[in-house]
Amino acid sequence: AYARLGHSHASATAFLSHGASFASAFCGGYAAAQYAGTHPLAQSFVAGLVGAAFFVAMLLGPSSAPGPTWYVALALALPILGSVVGGYAADKSRKASRS
């Protein structure tokens, strides 16, 4: 509880954390799309859902203190968006290497 004193959801650390979340989701979506068979974007979307599910599990924990609505929505959307963008990039690179 004391670690939350003075914690701002709009701090540089929070934005850096969101950037790292997006980057790791991008890499996960890229890898999922590379190993996918016929539906690479669906695979990358599911990879993003797994990342968002971990956030929900942490949010529902006994010691969590949810932030403002915009912060929760951003934290849920970034892993899904990042993984789909990574899947799209992998799909484009796969199609470019075939031609």
Protein backbone atom coordinates (compact mmCIF):
# COMPACT_ATOMS: atom_id res chain seq x y z
CA ALA A 1 0.00 0.00 0.00
CA TYR A 2 2.81 2.41 0.79
CA ALA A 3 4.44 1.86 -2.61
CA ARG A 4 1.43 3.53 -4.23
CA LEU A 5 1.96 6.84 -2.41
CA GLY A 6 2.82 9.49 -4.94
CA HIS A 7 2.33 7.10 -7.86
CA SER A 8 1.15 8.84 -11.00
CA HIS A 9 -0.32 6.88 -13.89
CA ALA A 10 0.84 9.57 -16.32
CA SER A 11 4.50 9.44 -15.31
CA ALA A 12 7.46 8.72 -17.56
CA THR A 13 7.87 5.35 -15.88
CA ALA A 14 4.28 4.39 -16.69
CA PHE A 15 4.72 5.35 -20.34
CA LEU A 16 8.00 3.45 -20.50
CA SER A 17 6.20 0.45 -19.06
CA HIS A 18 3.50 0.73 -21.73
CA GLY A 19 6.18 1.00 -24.40
CA ALA A 20 7.87 -2.15 -23.13
CA SER A 21 4.49 -3.90 -23.07
CA PHE A 22 3.85 -2.93 -26.69
CA ALA A 23 7.35 -4.00 -27.77
CA SER A 24 7.14 -7.39 -26.08
CA ALA A 25 3.67 -7.96 -27.50
CA PHE A 26 4.99 -7.01 -30.96
CA CYS A 27 7.73 -9.63 -30.65
CA GLY A 28 5.26 -12.24 -29.39
CA GLY A 29 2.82 -11.50 -32.20
CA TYR A 30 5.63 -11.61 -34.74
CA ALA A 31 6.80 -15.00 -33.47
CA ALA A 32 3.26 -16.37 -33.32
CA ALA A 33 2.60 -15.29 -36.91
CA GLN A 34 5.89 -16.78 -38.11
CA TYR A 35 4.93 -20.19 -36.71
CA ALA A 36 1.28 -19.95 -37.78
CA GLY A 37 -0.05 -22.07 -40.56
CA THR A 38 -2.81 -20.44 -42.57
CA HIS A 39 -4.05 -17.67 -40.25
CA PRO A 40 -1.08 -15.66 -38.93
CA LEU A 41 -3.12 -12.64 -37.79
CA ALA A 42 -5.47 -14.85 -35.79
CA GLN A 43 -2.47 -16.47 -34.10
CA SER A 44 -0.98 -13.10 -33.24
CA PHE A 45 -4.35 -11.86 -31.93
CA VAL A 46 -4.54 -14.86 -29.59
CA ALA A 47 -1.00 -14.12 -28.41
CA GLY A 48 -2.17 -10.60 -27.52
CA LEU A 49 -5.17 -11.98 -25.65
CA VAL A 50 -2.82 -14.12 -23.56
CA GLY A 51 -0.84 -11.02 -22.63
CA ALA A 52 -4.00 -9.11 -21.77
CA ALA A 53 -5.20 -12.06 -19.68
CA PHE A 54 -2.09 -11.79 -17.52
CA PHE A 55 -2.90 -8.13 -16.88
CA VAL A 56 -6.46 -9.05 -15.91
CA ALA A 57 -5.15 -11.71 -13.54
CA MET A 58 -2.87 -9.17 -11.88
CA LEU A 59 -5.71 -6.65 -11.76
CA LEU A 60 -7.94 -9.11 -9.91
CA GLY A 61 -5.27 -9.95 -7.34
CA PRO A 62 -5.84 -9.19 -3.67
CA SER A 63 -3.22 -6.43 -3.49
CA SER A 64 -4.01 -4.64 -6.74
CA ALA A 65 -5.19 -1.07 -6.84
CA PRO A 66 -6.72 -0.36 -10.25
CA GLY A 67 -5.94 2.97 -11.76
CA PRO A 68 -8.11 5.30 -13.80
CA THR A 69 -10.27 3.86 -16.56
CA TRP A 70 -8.02 5.20 -19.34
CA TYR A 71 -5.00 3.48 -17.77
CA VAL A 72 -6.75 0.11 -17.51
CA ALA A 73 -8.09 0.40 -21.07
CA LEU A 74 -4.64 1.28 -22.39
CA ALA A 75 -3.02 -1.57 -20.49
CA LEU A 76 -5.56 -4.00 -21.94
CA ALA A 77 -5.38 -2.68 -25.51
CA LEU A 78 -1.62 -2.35 -25.93
CA PRO A 79 -0.73 -6.07 -25.79
CA ILE A 80 -3.47 -6.93 -28.27
CA LEU A 81 -2.59 -4.06 -30.60
CA GLY A 82 1.13 -4.75 -30.37
CA SER A 83 0.77 -8.43 -31.14
CA VAL A 84 -1.52 -7.81 -34.12
CA VAL A 85 0.91 -5.22 -35.51
CA GLY A 86 3.73 -7.73 -35.02
CA GLY A 87 1.67 -10.40 -36.75
CA TYR A 88 0.96 -8.04 -39.63
CA ALA A 89 4.69 -7.28 -39.98
CA ALA A 90 5.51 -11.00 -39.96
CA ASP A 91 2.83 -11.71 -42.54
CA LYS A 92 4.15 -8.95 -44.80
CA SER A 93 7.74 -10.19 -44.48
CA ARG A 94 6.65 -13.75 -45.16
CA LYS A 95 4.76 -12.70 -48.30
CA ALA A 96 7.69 -10.54 -49.45
CA SER A 97 10.12 -13.45 -49.08
CA ARG A 98 7.88 -15.71 -51.18
CA SER A 99 7.75 -13.36 -54.13
